[in-house]
Amino acid sequence: MILTKAELIASLHGEVRILLHLISKVEPPMLDYRPTPKQRSMLELLQYLTLVGPIHMRGALAPAFDIDAWRAEWTAGEATAKMLNLDAIRDSIASQPALYETMLGGCTNERLRGEIAMFGHTASRGS
């Protein structure tokens, strides 16, 4: 299924709405919870969620995917994300709809249908 730009933006808004709802259920004592010793804690997962959407969107919208540039951006973004507390995480995720609209603003439906290879897989930019 190929989404139009408007459908993709609406879908991303919905994902953020769900994340914000779930974050509203998190209380500070829950932040250190880790399902198993090797898995992310609740806080680490929430910090990761502030980064993963925007960085993948930038990668997908680039003229060509550059893994080295992506890694550098990931490293910088991850360092910033690790400093966020629950309130800052909530604010960061709440700002993502506007960020997605800005990032997709000049993108045409045809460009979203165009293919890009990322992480060894080829798919449409919009997917």
PDB file of N, CA and C in Angstrom:
ATOM      1  N   MET A   1       0.842  -1.175   0.000  1.00  0.00           N
ATOM      2  CA  MET A   1       0.000   0.000   0.000  1.00  0.00           C
ATOM      3  C   MET A   1       0.890   1.243   0.000  1.00  0.00           C
ATOM      4  N   ILE A   2       0.597   2.169  -0.858  1.00  0.00           N
ATOM      5  CA  ILE A   2       1.354   3.406  -0.944  1.00  0.00           C
ATOM      6  C   ILE A   2       0.488   4.532  -0.395  1.00  0.00           C
ATOM      7  N   LEU A   3       1.058   5.259   0.555  1.00  0.00           N
ATOM      8  CA  LEU A   3       0.340   6.369   1.166  1.00  0.00           C
ATOM      9  C   LEU A   3       0.631   7.665   0.427  1.00  0.00           C
ATOM     10  N   THR A   4      -0.339   8.547   0.410  1.00  0.00           N
ATOM     11  CA  THR A   4      -0.085   9.901  -0.069  1.00  0.00           C
ATOM     12  C   THR A   4       0.621  10.655   1.054  1.00  0.00           C
ATOM     13  N   LYS A   5       1.134  11.832   0.729  1.00  0.00           N
ATOM     14  CA  LYS A   5       1.794  12.646   1.749  1.00  0.00           C
ATOM     15  C   LYS A   5       0.823  12.955   2.883  1.00  0.00           C
ATOM     16  N   ALA A   6      -0.396  13.328   2.556  1.00  0.00           N
ATOM     17  CA  ALA A   6      -1.389  13.652   3.591  1.00  0.00           C
ATOM     18  C   ALA A   6      -1.687  12.438   4.460  1.00  0.00           C
ATOM     19  N   GLU A   7      -1.778  11.265   3.852  1.00  0.00           N
ATOM     20  CA  GLU A   7      -2.045  10.041   4.620  1.00  0.00           C
ATOM     21  C   GLU A   7      -0.862   9.690   5.517  1.00  0.00           C
ATOM     22  N   LEU A   8       0.355   9.870   5.003  1.00  0.00           N
ATOM     23  CA  LEU A   8       1.542   9.584   5.801  1.00  0.00           C
ATOM     24  C   LEU A   8       1.611  10.531   6.996  1.00  0.00           C
ATOM     25  N   ILE A   9       1.376  11.803   6.782  1.00  0.00           N
ATOM     26  CA  ILE A   9       1.388  12.773   7.881  1.00  0.00           C
ATOM     27  C   ILE A   9       0.313  12.426   8.904  1.00  0.00           C
ATOM     28  N   ALA A  10      -0.874  12.079   8.448  1.00  0.00           N
ATOM     29  CA  ALA A  10      -1.956  11.699   9.374  1.00  0.00           C
ATOM     30  C   ALA A  10      -1.574  10.452  10.167  1.00  0.00           C
ATOM     31  N   SER A  11      -0.944   9.503   9.505  1.00  0.00           N
ATOM     32  CA  SER A  11      -0.511   8.279  10.184  1.00  0.00           C
ATOM     33  C   SER A  11       0.544   8.584  11.243  1.00  0.00           C
ATOM     34  N   LEU A  12       1.504   9.431  10.910  1.00  0.00           N
ATOM     35  CA  LEU A  12       2.533   9.816  11.869  1.00  0.00           C
ATOM     36  C   LEU A  12       1.937  10.570  13.056  1.00  0.00           C
ATOM     37  N   HIS A  13       0.958  11.434  12.796  1.00  0.00           N
ATOM     38  CA  HIS A  13       0.264  12.129  13.888  1.00  0.00           C
ATOM     39  C   HIS A  13      -0.406  11.109  14.810  1.00  0.00           C
ATOM     40  N   GLY A  14      -1.015  10.098  14.219  1.00  0.00           N
ATOM     41  CA  GLY A  14      -1.658   9.058  15.017  1.00  0.00           C
ATOM     42  C   GLY A  14      -0.665   8.294  15.879  1.00  0.00           C
ATOM     43  N   GLU A  15       0.497   7.993  15.318  1.00  0.00           N
ATOM     44  CA  GLU A  15       1.526   7.282  16.084  1.00  0.00           C
ATOM     45  C   GLU A  15       1.991   8.119  17.272  1.00  0.00           C
ATOM     46  N   VAL A  16       2.179   9.406  17.038  1.00  0.00           N
ATOM     47  CA  VAL A  16       2.607  10.297  18.123  1.00  0.00           C
ATOM     48  C   VAL A  16       1.515  10.395  19.181  1.00  0.00           C
ATOM     49  N   ARG A  17       0.259  10.478  18.751  1.00  0.00           N
ATOM     50  CA  ARG A  17      -0.856  10.535  19.707  1.00  0.00           C
ATOM     51  C   ARG A  17      -0.852   9.295  20.600  1.00  0.00           C
ATOM     52  N   ILE A  18      -0.623   8.132  20.006  1.00  0.00           N
ATOM     53  CA  ILE A  18      -0.571   6.880  20.777  1.00  0.00           C
ATOM     54  C   ILE A  18       0.605   6.905  21.749  1.00  0.00           C
ATOM     55  N   LEU A  19       1.774   7.329  21.272  1.00  0.00           N
ATOM     56  CA  LEU A  19       2.944   7.402  22.154  1.00  0.00           C
ATOM     57  C   LEU A  19       2.689   8.329  23.334  1.00  0.00           C
ATOM     58  N   LEU A  20       2.104   9.480  23.067  1.00  0.00           N
ATOM     59  CA  LEU A  20       1.831  10.420  24.158  1.00  0.00           C
ATOM     60  C   LEU A  20       0.834   9.848  25.154  1.00  0.00           C
ATOM     61  N   HIS A  21      -0.146   9.109  24.660  1.00  0.00           N
ATOM     62  CA  HIS A  21      -1.097   8.461  25.564  1.00  0.00           C
ATOM     63  C   HIS A  21      -0.372   7.443  26.452  1.00  0.00           C
ATOM     64  N   LEU A  22       0.485   6.631  25.830  1.00  0.00           N
ATOM     65  CA  LEU A  22       1.209   5.623  26.610  1.00  0.00           C
ATOM     66  C   LEU A  22       2.165   6.272  27.606  1.00  0.00           C
ATOM     67  N   ILE A  23       2.836   7.342  27.182  1.00  0.00           N
ATOM     68  CA  ILE A  23       3.750   8.041  28.088  1.00  0.00           C
ATOM     69  C   ILE A  23       2.990   8.632  29.273  1.00  0.00           C
ATOM     70  N   SER A  24       1.741   9.022  29.058  1.00  0.00           N
ATOM     71  CA  SER A  24       0.955   9.592  30.161  1.00  0.00           C
ATOM     72  C   SER A  24       0.702   8.567  31.262  1.00  0.00           C
ATOM     73  N   LYS A  25       0.864   7.294  30.949  1.00  0.00           N
ATOM     74  CA  LYS A  25       0.657   6.231  31.937  1.00  0.00           C
ATOM     75  C   LYS A  25       1.926   5.905  32.721  1.00  0.00           C
ATOM     76  N   VAL A  26       3.065   6.450  32.291  1.00  0.00           N
ATOM     77  CA  VAL A  26       4.343   6.160  32.934  1.00  0.00           C
ATOM     78  C   VAL A  26       4.522   7.068  34.149  1.00  0.00           C
ATOM     79  N   GLU A  27       4.863   6.456  35.258  1.00  0.00           N
ATOM     80  CA  GLU A  27       5.154   7.189  36.480  1.00  0.00           C
ATOM     81  C   GLU A  27       6.645   7.065  36.770  1.00  0.00           C
ATOM     82  N   PRO A  28       7.244   8.068  37.401  1.00  0.00           N
ATOM     83  CA  PRO A  28       8.695   8.044  37.629  1.00  0.00           C
ATOM     84  C   PRO A  28       9.256   6.738  38.211  1.00  0.00           C
ATOM     85  N   PRO A  29       8.571   6.075  39.152  1.00  0.00           N
ATOM     86  CA  PRO A  29       9.151   4.821  39.663  1.00  0.00           C
ATOM     87  C   PRO A  29       9.270   3.712  38.599  1.00  0.00           C
ATOM     88  N   MET A  30       8.548   3.848  37.487  1.00  0.00           N
ATOM     89  CA  MET A  30       8.575   2.838  36.427  1.00  0.00           C
ATOM     90  C   MET A  30       9.786   2.987  35.497  1.00  0.00           C
ATOM     91  N   LEU A  31      10.462   4.113  35.553  1.00  0.00           N
ATOM     92  CA  LEU A  31      11.493   4.419  34.559  1.00  0.00           C
ATOM     93  C   LEU A  31      12.696   3.484  34.602  1.00  0.00           C
ATOM     94  N   ASP A  32      12.975   2.898  35.738  1.00  0.00           N
ATOM     95  CA  ASP A  32      14.117   1.983  35.838  1.00  0.00           C
ATOM     96  C   ASP A  32      13.761   0.551  35.480  1.00  0.00           C
ATOM     97  N   TYR A  33      12.471   0.276  35.235  1.00  0.00           N
ATOM     98  CA  TYR A  33      12.054  -1.094  34.896  1.00  0.00           C
ATOM     99  C   TYR A  33      12.746  -1.551  33.619  1.00  0.00           C
ATOM    100  N   ARG A  34      13.286  -2.753  33.677  1.00  0.00           N
ATOM    101  CA  ARG A  34      13.980  -3.374  32.555  1.00  0.00           C
ATOM    102  C   ARG A  34      13.471  -4.820  32.481  1.00  0.00           C
ATOM    103  N   PRO A  35      12.787  -5.214  31.381  1.00  0.00           N
ATOM    104  CA  PRO A  35      12.210  -6.563  31.293  1.00  0.00           C
ATOM    105  C   PRO A  35      13.224  -7.674  31.543  1.00  0.00           C
ATOM    106  N   THR A  36      14.398  -7.550  30.982  1.00  0.00           N
ATOM    107  CA  THR A  36      15.502  -8.478  31.238  1.00  0.00           C
ATOM    108  C   THR A  36      16.770  -7.636  31.325  1.00  0.00           C
ATOM    109  N   PRO A  37      17.821  -8.166  31.912  1.00  0.00           N
ATOM    110  CA  PRO A  37      19.039  -7.359  32.087  1.00  0.00           C
ATOM    111  C   PRO A  37      19.614  -6.774  30.787  1.00  0.00           C
ATOM    112  N   LYS A  38      19.404  -7.416  29.661  1.00  0.00           N
ATOM    113  CA  LYS A  38      19.987  -6.947  28.411  1.00  0.00           C
ATOM    114  C   LYS A  38      19.060  -6.043  27.601  1.00  0.00           C
ATOM    115  N   GLN A  39      17.848  -5.826  28.090  1.00  0.00           N
ATOM    116  CA  GLN A  39      16.905  -4.977  27.368  1.00  0.00           C
ATOM    117  C   GLN A  39      16.943  -3.545  27.907  1.00  0.00           C
ATOM    118  N   ARG A  40      16.447  -2.626  27.080  1.00  0.00           N
ATOM    119  CA  ARG A  40      16.382  -1.223  27.498  1.00  0.00           C
ATOM    120  C   ARG A  40      15.456  -1.075  28.701  1.00  0.00           C
ATOM    121  N   SER A  41      15.803  -0.119  29.553  1.00  0.00           N
ATOM    122  CA  SER A  41      14.884   0.251  30.631  1.00  0.00           C
ATOM    123  C   SER A  41      13.758   1.077  30.011  1.00  0.00           C
ATOM    124  N   MET A  42      12.720   1.328  30.771  1.00  0.00           N
ATOM    125  CA  MET A  42      11.618   2.165  30.292  1.00  0.00           C
ATOM    126  C   MET A  42      12.151   3.533  29.881  1.00  0.00           C
ATOM    127  N   LEU A  43      13.022   4.121  30.697  1.00  0.00           N
ATOM    128  CA  LEU A  43      13.586   5.428  30.374  1.00  0.00           C
ATOM    129  C   LEU A  43      14.389   5.363  29.070  1.00  0.00           C
ATOM    130  N   GLU A  44      15.222   4.357  28.908  1.00  0.00           N
ATOM    131  CA  GLU A  44      16.023   4.219  27.688  1.00  0.00           C
ATOM    132  C   GLU A  44      15.140   4.034  26.458  1.00  0.00           C
ATOM    133  N   LEU A  45      14.065   3.283  26.595  1.00  0.00           N
ATOM    134  CA  LEU A  45      13.133   3.093  25.482  1.00  0.00           C
ATOM    135  C   LEU A  45      12.485   4.412  25.091  1.00  0.00           C
ATOM    136  N   LEU A  46      12.040   5.168  26.071  1.00  0.00           N
ATOM    137  CA  LEU A  46      11.404   6.455  25.780  1.00  0.00           C
ATOM    138  C   LEU A  46      12.399   7.432  25.157  1.00  0.00           C
ATOM    139  N   GLN A  47      13.629   7.430  25.629  1.00  0.00           N
ATOM    140  CA  GLN A  47      14.662   8.283  25.037  1.00  0.00           C
ATOM    141  C   GLN A  47      14.903   7.884  23.579  1.00  0.00           C
ATOM    142  N   TYR A  48      14.951   6.598  23.314  1.00  0.00           N
ATOM    143  CA  TYR A  48      15.113   6.069  21.953  1.00  0.00           C
ATOM    144  C   TYR A  48      13.976   6.551  21.047  1.00  0.00           C
ATOM    145  N   LEU A  49      12.766   6.581  21.564  1.00  0.00           N
ATOM    146  CA  LEU A  49      11.610   6.984  20.761  1.00  0.00           C
ATOM    147  C   LEU A  49      11.640   8.460  20.371  1.00  0.00           C
ATOM    148  N   THR A  50      12.407   9.271  21.089  1.00  0.00           N
ATOM    149  CA  THR A  50      12.541  10.670  20.698  1.00  0.00           C
ATOM    150  C   THR A  50      13.417  10.813  19.459  1.00  0.00           C
ATOM    151  N   LEU A  51      14.203   9.812  19.176  1.00  0.00           N
ATOM    152  CA  LEU A  51      15.213   9.877  18.122  1.00  0.00           C
ATOM    153  C   LEU A  51      14.867   9.073  16.878  1.00  0.00           C
ATOM    154  N   VAL A  52      14.298   7.908  17.059  1.00  0.00           N
ATOM    155  CA  VAL A  52      14.179   6.944  15.961  1.00  0.00           C
ATOM    156  C   VAL A  52      13.329   7.447  14.794  1.00  0.00           C
ATOM    157  N   GLY A  53      12.200   8.056  15.049  1.00  0.00           N
ATOM    158  CA  GLY A  53      11.344   8.523  13.956  1.00  0.00           C
ATOM    159  C   GLY A  53      11.979   9.618  13.125  1.00  0.00           C
ATOM    160  N   PRO A  54      12.391  10.708  13.767  1.00  0.00           N
ATOM    161  CA  PRO A  54      12.984  11.798  12.987  1.00  0.00           C
ATOM    162  C   PRO A  54      14.246  11.405  12.219  1.00  0.00           C
ATOM    163  N   ILE A  55      15.112  10.613  12.817  1.00  0.00           N
ATOM    164  CA  ILE A  55      16.357  10.278  12.127  1.00  0.00           C
ATOM    165  C   ILE A  55      16.100   9.363  10.928  1.00  0.00           C
ATOM    166  N   HIS A  56      15.149   8.456  11.052  1.00  0.00           N
ATOM    167  CA  HIS A  56      14.829   7.602   9.906  1.00  0.00           C
ATOM    168  C   HIS A  56      14.122   8.394   8.809  1.00  0.00           C
ATOM    169  N   MET A  57      13.303   9.361   9.200  1.00  0.00           N
ATOM    170  CA  MET A  57      12.641  10.211   8.213  1.00  0.00           C
ATOM    171  C   MET A  57      13.688  10.995   7.422  1.00  0.00           C
ATOM    172  N   ARG A  58      14.666  11.572   8.123  1.00  0.00           N
ATOM    173  CA  ARG A  58      15.718  12.316   7.419  1.00  0.00           C
ATOM    174  C   ARG A  58      16.488  11.396   6.477  1.00  0.00           C
ATOM    175  N   GLY A  59      16.774  10.187   6.906  1.00  0.00           N
ATOM    176  CA  GLY A  59      17.479   9.233   6.052  1.00  0.00           C
ATOM    177  C   GLY A  59      16.681   8.875   4.817  1.00  0.00           C
ATOM    178  N   ALA A  60      15.389   8.661   4.990  1.00  0.00           N
ATOM    179  CA  ALA A  60      14.525   8.275   3.864  1.00  0.00           C
ATOM    180  C   ALA A  60      14.324   9.416   2.879  1.00  0.00           C
ATOM    181  N   LEU A  61      14.375  10.642   3.356  1.00  0.00           N
ATOM    182  CA  LEU A  61      14.145  11.786   2.476  1.00  0.00           C
ATOM    183  C   LEU A  61      15.424  12.319   1.833  1.00  0.00           C
ATOM    184  N   ALA A  62      16.570  11.811   2.245  1.00  0.00           N
ATOM    185  CA  ALA A  62      17.840  12.239   1.656  1.00  0.00           C
ATOM    186  C   ALA A  62      17.896  11.792   0.186  1.00  0.00           C
ATOM    187  N   PRO A  63      18.665  12.503  -0.630  1.00  0.00           N
ATOM    188  CA  PRO A  63      18.785  12.085  -2.037  1.00  0.00           C
ATOM    189  C   PRO A  63      19.239  10.627  -2.179  1.00  0.00           C
ATOM    190  N   ALA A  64      20.160  10.219  -1.321  1.00  0.00           N
ATOM    191  CA  ALA A  64      20.611   8.826  -1.261  1.00  0.00           C
ATOM    192  C   ALA A  64      20.973   8.547   0.194  1.00  0.00           C
ATOM    193  N   PHE A  65      20.736   7.339   0.641  1.00  0.00           N
ATOM    194  CA  PHE A  65      21.023   6.999   2.028  1.00  0.00           C
ATOM    195  C   PHE A  65      22.528   6.874   2.223  1.00  0.00           C
ATOM    196  N   ASP A  66      23.048   7.576   3.212  1.00  0.00           N
ATOM    197  CA  ASP A  66      24.473   7.577   3.533  1.00  0.00           C
ATOM    198  C   ASP A  66      24.624   7.031   4.953  1.00  0.00           C
ATOM    199  N   ILE A  67      25.052   5.787   5.070  1.00  0.00           N
ATOM    200  CA  ILE A  67      25.126   5.139   6.375  1.00  0.00           C
ATOM    201  C   ILE A  67      26.091   5.853   7.319  1.00  0.00           C
ATOM    202  N   ASP A  68      27.182   6.395   6.792  1.00  0.00           N
ATOM    203  CA  ASP A  68      28.134   7.085   7.660  1.00  0.00           C
ATOM    204  C   ASP A  68      27.527   8.372   8.226  1.00  0.00           C
ATOM    205  N   ALA A  69      26.828   9.125   7.400  1.00  0.00           N
ATOM    206  CA  ALA A  69      26.154  10.334   7.882  1.00  0.00           C
ATOM    207  C   ALA A  69      25.061   9.958   8.874  1.00  0.00           C
ATOM    208  N   TRP A  70      24.340   8.883   8.583  1.00  0.00           N
ATOM    209  CA  TRP A  70      23.286   8.423   9.482  1.00  0.00           C
ATOM    210  C   TRP A  70      23.874   8.044  10.847  1.00  0.00           C
ATOM    211  N   ARG A  71      24.984   7.298  10.840  1.00  0.00           N
ATOM    212  CA  ARG A  71      25.639   6.900  12.097  1.00  0.00           C
ATOM    213  C   ARG A  71      26.079   8.113  12.910  1.00  0.00           C
ATOM    214  N   ALA A  72      26.663   9.095  12.233  1.00  0.00           N
ATOM    215  CA  ALA A  72      27.113  10.307  12.931  1.00  0.00           C
ATOM    216  C   ALA A  72      25.923  11.033  13.554  1.00  0.00           C
ATOM    217  N   GLU A  73      24.836  11.144  12.804  1.00  0.00           N
ATOM    218  CA  GLU A  73      23.643  11.803  13.332  1.00  0.00           C
ATOM    219  C   GLU A  73      23.053  10.996  14.484  1.00  0.00           C
ATOM    220  N   TRP A  74      23.045   9.672  14.353  1.00  0.00           N
ATOM    221  CA  TRP A  74      22.519   8.804  15.412  1.00  0.00           C
ATOM    222  C   TRP A  74      23.330   8.985  16.692  1.00  0.00           C
ATOM    223  N   THR A  75      24.649   8.982  16.574  1.00  0.00           N
ATOM    224  CA  THR A  75      25.515   9.115  17.743  1.00  0.00           C
ATOM    225  C   THR A  75      25.267  10.436  18.458  1.00  0.00           C
ATOM    226  N   ALA A  76      25.188  11.513  17.699  1.00  0.00           N
ATOM    227  CA  ALA A  76      24.920  12.827  18.298  1.00  0.00           C
ATOM    228  C   ALA A  76      23.525  12.870  18.918  1.00  0.00           C
ATOM    229  N   GLY A  77      22.537  12.358  18.205  1.00  0.00           N
ATOM    230  CA  GLY A  77      21.167  12.367  18.713  1.00  0.00           C
ATOM    231  C   GLY A  77      20.994  11.499  19.932  1.00  0.00           C
ATOM    232  N   GLU A  78      21.674  10.363  19.947  1.00  0.00           N
ATOM    233  CA  GLU A  78      21.572   9.455  21.090  1.00  0.00           C
ATOM    234  C   GLU A  78      22.163  10.095  22.344  1.00  0.00           C
ATOM    235  N   ALA A  79      23.267  10.806  22.189  1.00  0.00           N
ATOM    236  CA  ALA A  79      23.873  11.491  23.334  1.00  0.00           C
ATOM    237  C   ALA A  79      22.911  12.534  23.903  1.00  0.00           C
ATOM    238  N   THR A  80      22.241  13.259  23.022  1.00  0.00           N
ATOM    239  CA  THR A  80      21.261  14.259  23.457  1.00  0.00           C
ATOM    240  C   THR A  80      20.070  13.580  24.126  1.00  0.00           C
ATOM    241  N   ALA A  81      19.569  12.510  23.516  1.00  0.00           N
ATOM    242  CA  ALA A  81      18.402  11.803  24.048  1.00  0.00           C
ATOM    243  C   ALA A  81      18.665  11.244  25.438  1.00  0.00           C
ATOM    244  N   LYS A  82      19.882  10.787  25.685  1.00  0.00           N
ATOM    245  CA  LYS A  82      20.210  10.201  26.991  1.00  0.00           C
ATOM    246  C   LYS A  82      20.145  11.212  28.134  1.00  0.00           C
ATOM    247  N   MET A  83      20.102  12.477  27.808  1.00  0.00           N
ATOM    248  CA  MET A  83      20.022  13.517  28.852  1.00  0.00           C
ATOM    249  C   MET A  83      18.577  13.882  29.191  1.00  0.00           C
ATOM    250  N   LEU A  84      17.603  13.337  28.449  1.00  0.00           N
ATOM    251  CA  LEU A  84      16.211  13.735  28.628  1.00  0.00           C
ATOM    252  C   LEU A  84      15.549  13.009  29.795  1.00  0.00           C
ATOM    253  N   ASN A  85      14.789  13.770  30.585  1.00  0.00           N
ATOM    254  CA  ASN A  85      13.960  13.164  31.628  1.00  0.00           C
ATOM    255  C   ASN A  85      12.547  12.954  31.060  1.00  0.00           C
ATOM    256  N   LEU A  86      11.647  12.456  31.861  1.00  0.00           N
ATOM    257  CA  LEU A  86      10.309  12.117  31.386  1.00  0.00           C
ATOM    258  C   LEU A  86       9.579  13.321  30.797  1.00  0.00           C
ATOM    259  N   ASP A  87       9.648  14.470  31.438  1.00  0.00           N
ATOM    260  CA  ASP A  87       8.974  15.661  30.910  1.00  0.00           C
ATOM    261  C   ASP A  87       9.579  16.095  29.582  1.00  0.00           C
ATOM    262  N   ALA A  88      10.895  16.072  29.477  1.00  0.00           N
ATOM    263  CA  ALA A  88      11.564  16.458  28.227  1.00  0.00           C
ATOM    264  C   ALA A  88      11.272  15.459  27.115  1.00  0.00           C
ATOM    265  N   ILE A  89      11.161  14.196  27.464  1.00  0.00           N
ATOM    266  CA  ILE A  89      10.799  13.169  26.479  1.00  0.00           C
ATOM    267  C   ILE A  89       9.405  13.446  25.935  1.00  0.00           C
ATOM    268  N   ARG A  90       8.466  13.721  26.838  1.00  0.00           N
ATOM    269  CA  ARG A  90       7.092  14.025  26.442  1.00  0.00           C
ATOM    270  C   ARG A  90       7.062  15.238  25.504  1.00  0.00           C
ATOM    271  N   ASP A  91       7.794  16.272  25.854  1.00  0.00           N
ATOM    272  CA  ASP A  91       7.839  17.478  25.023  1.00  0.00           C
ATOM    273  C   ASP A  91       8.470  17.190  23.663  1.00  0.00           C
ATOM    274  N   SER A  92       9.531  16.403  23.663  1.00  0.00           N
ATOM    275  CA  SER A  92      10.214  16.073  22.412  1.00  0.00           C
ATOM    276  C   SER A  92       9.290  15.298  21.474  1.00  0.00           C
ATOM    277  N   ILE A  93       8.615  14.304  22.004  1.00  0.00           N
ATOM    278  CA  ILE A  93       7.713  13.500  21.173  1.00  0.00           C
ATOM    279  C   ILE A  93       6.508  14.334  20.737  1.00  0.00           C
ATOM    280  N   ALA A  94       6.022  15.207  21.617  1.00  0.00           N
ATOM    281  CA  ALA A  94       4.889  16.065  21.258  1.00  0.00           C
ATOM    282  C   ALA A  94       5.246  17.031  20.127  1.00  0.00           C
ATOM    283  N   SER A  95       6.517  17.337  19.957  1.00  0.00           N
ATOM    284  CA  SER A  95       6.946  18.244  18.887  1.00  0.00           C
ATOM    285  C   SER A  95       7.114  17.532  17.545  1.00  0.00           C
ATOM    286  N   GLN A  96       7.068  16.213  17.528  1.00  0.00           N
ATOM    287  CA  GLN A  96       7.333  15.475  16.297  1.00  0.00           C
ATOM    288  C   GLN A  96       6.311  15.702  15.185  1.00  0.00           C
ATOM    289  N   PRO A  97       5.015  15.829  15.441  1.00  0.00           N
ATOM    290  CA  PRO A  97       4.099  16.074  14.319  1.00  0.00           C
ATOM    291  C   PRO A  97       4.481  17.300  13.495  1.00  0.00           C
ATOM    292  N   ALA A  98       4.817  18.388  14.160  1.00  0.00           N
ATOM    293  CA  ALA A  98       5.222  19.598  13.437  1.00  0.00           C
ATOM    294  C   ALA A  98       6.515  19.355  12.670  1.00  0.00           C
ATOM    295  N   LEU A  99       7.437  18.612  13.267  1.00  0.00           N
ATOM    296  CA  LEU A  99       8.691  18.276  12.590  1.00  0.00           C
ATOM    297  C   LEU A  99       8.424  17.454  11.333  1.00  0.00           C
ATOM    298  N   TYR A 100       7.559  16.452  11.445  1.00  0.00           N
ATOM    299  CA  TYR A 100       7.237  15.619  10.280  1.00  0.00           C
ATOM    300  C   TYR A 100       6.577  16.448   9.179  1.00  0.00           C
ATOM    301  N   GLU A 101       5.683  17.337   9.558  1.00  0.00           N
ATOM    302  CA  GLU A 101       5.036  18.187   8.553  1.00  0.00           C
ATOM    303  C   GLU A 101       6.060  19.068   7.847  1.00  0.00           C
ATOM    304  N   THR A 102       6.996  19.620   8.605  1.00  0.00           N
ATOM    305  CA  THR A 102       8.047  20.441   8.007  1.00  0.00           C
ATOM    306  C   THR A 102       8.926  19.600   7.080  1.00  0.00           C
ATOM    307  N   MET A 103       9.331  18.438   7.548  1.00  0.00           N
ATOM    308  CA  MET A 103      10.207  17.579   6.756  1.00  0.00           C
ATOM    309  C   MET A 103       9.532  17.121   5.461  1.00  0.00           C
ATOM    310  N   LEU A 104       8.249  16.860   5.542  1.00  0.00           N
ATOM    311  CA  LEU A 104       7.515  16.363   4.371  1.00  0.00           C
ATOM    312  C   LEU A 104       6.905  17.480   3.537  1.00  0.00           C
ATOM    313  N   GLY A 105       6.989  18.714   4.030  1.00  0.00           N
ATOM    314  CA  GLY A 105       6.340  19.847   3.372  1.00  0.00           C
ATOM    315  C   GLY A 105       6.623  19.960   1.888  1.00  0.00           C
ATOM    316  N   GLY A 106       7.868  19.876   1.492  1.00  0.00           N
ATOM    317  CA  GLY A 106       8.221  20.025   0.083  1.00  0.00           C
ATOM    318  C   GLY A 106       8.274  18.723  -0.683  1.00  0.00           C
ATOM    319  N   CYS A 107       7.948  17.648  -0.024  1.00  0.00           N
ATOM    320  CA  CYS A 107       8.022  16.324  -0.652  1.00  0.00           C
ATOM    321  C   CYS A 107       6.731  16.044  -1.436  1.00  0.00           C
ATOM    322  N   THR A 108       6.879  15.607  -2.660  1.00  0.00           N
ATOM    323  CA  THR A 108       5.701  15.275  -3.463  1.00  0.00           C
ATOM    324  C   THR A 108       5.308  13.816  -3.248  1.00  0.00           C
ATOM    325  N   ASN A 109       4.078  13.488  -3.641  1.00  0.00           N
ATOM    326  CA  ASN A 109       3.644  12.096  -3.560  1.00  0.00           C
ATOM    327  C   ASN A 109       4.526  11.212  -4.440  1.00  0.00           C
ATOM    328  N   GLU A 110       4.960  11.742  -5.585  1.00  0.00           N
ATOM    329  CA  GLU A 110       5.821  10.979  -6.485  1.00  0.00           C
ATOM    330  C   GLU A 110       7.157  10.663  -5.814  1.00  0.00           C
ATOM    331  N   ARG A 111       7.701  11.643  -5.100  1.00  0.00           N
ATOM    332  CA  ARG A 111       8.973  11.407  -4.387  1.00  0.00           C
ATOM    333  C   ARG A 111       8.791  10.352  -3.303  1.00  0.00           C
ATOM    334  N   LEU A 112       7.673  10.386  -2.601  1.00  0.00           N
ATOM    335  CA  LEU A 112       7.408   9.373  -1.573  1.00  0.00           C
ATOM    336  C   LEU A 112       7.304   7.978  -2.178  1.00  0.00           C
ATOM    337  N   ARG A 113       6.844   7.888  -3.421  1.00  0.00           N
ATOM    338  CA  ARG A 113       6.734   6.591  -4.099  1.00  0.00           C
ATOM    339  C   ARG A 113       8.083   6.101  -4.619  1.00  0.00           C
ATOM    340  N   GLY A 114       9.045   7.028  -4.748  1.00  0.00           N
ATOM    341  CA  GLY A 114      10.374   6.651  -5.227  1.00  0.00           C
ATOM    342  C   GLY A 114      11.070   5.724  -4.248  1.00  0.00           C
ATOM    343  N   GLU A 115      11.938   4.899  -4.766  1.00  0.00           N
ATOM    344  CA  GLU A 115      12.606   3.907  -3.931  1.00  0.00           C
ATOM    345  C   GLU A 115      13.920   4.435  -3.375  1.00  0.00           C
ATOM    346  N   ILE A 116      14.268   3.916  -2.205  1.00  0.00           N
ATOM    347  CA  ILE A 116      15.548   4.203  -1.574  1.00  0.00           C
ATOM    348  C   ILE A 116      16.019   2.933  -0.879  1.00  0.00           C
ATOM    349  N   ALA A 117      17.310   2.691  -0.935  1.00  0.00           N
ATOM    350  CA  ALA A 117      17.906   1.536  -0.253  1.00  0.00           C
ATOM    351  C   ALA A 117      18.461   2.007   1.085  1.00  0.00           C
ATOM    352  N   MET A 118      17.959   1.406   2.158  1.00  0.00           N
ATOM    353  CA  MET A 118      18.422   1.719   3.511  1.00  0.00           C
ATOM    354  C   MET A 118      18.630   0.417   4.265  1.00  0.00           C
ATOM    355  N   PHE A 119      19.774   0.288   4.900  1.00  0.00           N
ATOM    356  CA  PHE A 119      20.061  -0.866   5.745  1.00  0.00           C
ATOM    357  C   PHE A 119      19.905  -2.185   4.997  1.00  0.00           C
ATOM    358  N   GLY A 120      20.257  -2.207   3.713  1.00  0.00           N
ATOM    359  CA  GLY A 120      20.210  -3.437   2.943  1.00  0.00           C
ATOM    360  C   GLY A 120      18.849  -3.779   2.372  1.00  0.00           C
ATOM    361  N   HIS A 121      17.863  -2.914   2.532  1.00  0.00           N
ATOM    362  CA  HIS A 121      16.519  -3.157   2.010  1.00  0.00           C
ATOM    363  C   HIS A 121      16.118  -1.981   1.125  1.00  0.00           C
ATOM    364  N   THR A 122      15.408  -2.295   0.058  1.00  0.00           N
ATOM    365  CA  THR A 122      14.901  -1.248  -0.822  1.00  0.00           C
ATOM    366  C   THR A 122      13.392  -1.171  -0.662  1.00  0.00           C
ATOM    367  N   ALA A 123      12.917   0.053  -0.477  1.00  0.00           N
ATOM    368  CA  ALA A 123      11.479   0.280  -0.305  1.00  0.00           C
ATOM    369  C   ALA A 123      11.179   1.706  -0.752  1.00  0.00           C
ATOM    370  N   SER A 124       9.909   2.040  -0.817  1.00  0.00           N
ATOM    371  CA  SER A 124       9.543   3.417  -1.164  1.00  0.00           C
ATOM    372  C   SER A 124       9.929   4.334  -0.002  1.00  0.00           C
ATOM    373  N   ARG A 125      10.212   5.583  -0.311  1.00  0.00           N
ATOM    374  CA  ARG A 125      10.560   6.549   0.731  1.00  0.00           C
ATOM    375  C   ARG A 125       9.409   6.691   1.723  1.00  0.00           C
ATOM    376  N   GLY A 126       8.201   6.670   1.246  1.00  0.00           N
ATOM    377  CA  GLY A 126       7.032   6.854   2.102  1.00  0.00           C
ATOM    378  C   GLY A 126       6.766   5.695   3.042  1.00  0.00           C
ATOM    379  N   SER A 127       7.265   4.521   2.702  1.00  0.00           N
ATOM    380  CA  SER A 127       7.021   3.387   3.582  1.00  0.00           C
ATOM    381  C   SER A 127       7.987   3.407   4.747  1.00  0.00           C
TER     382      SER A 127
END
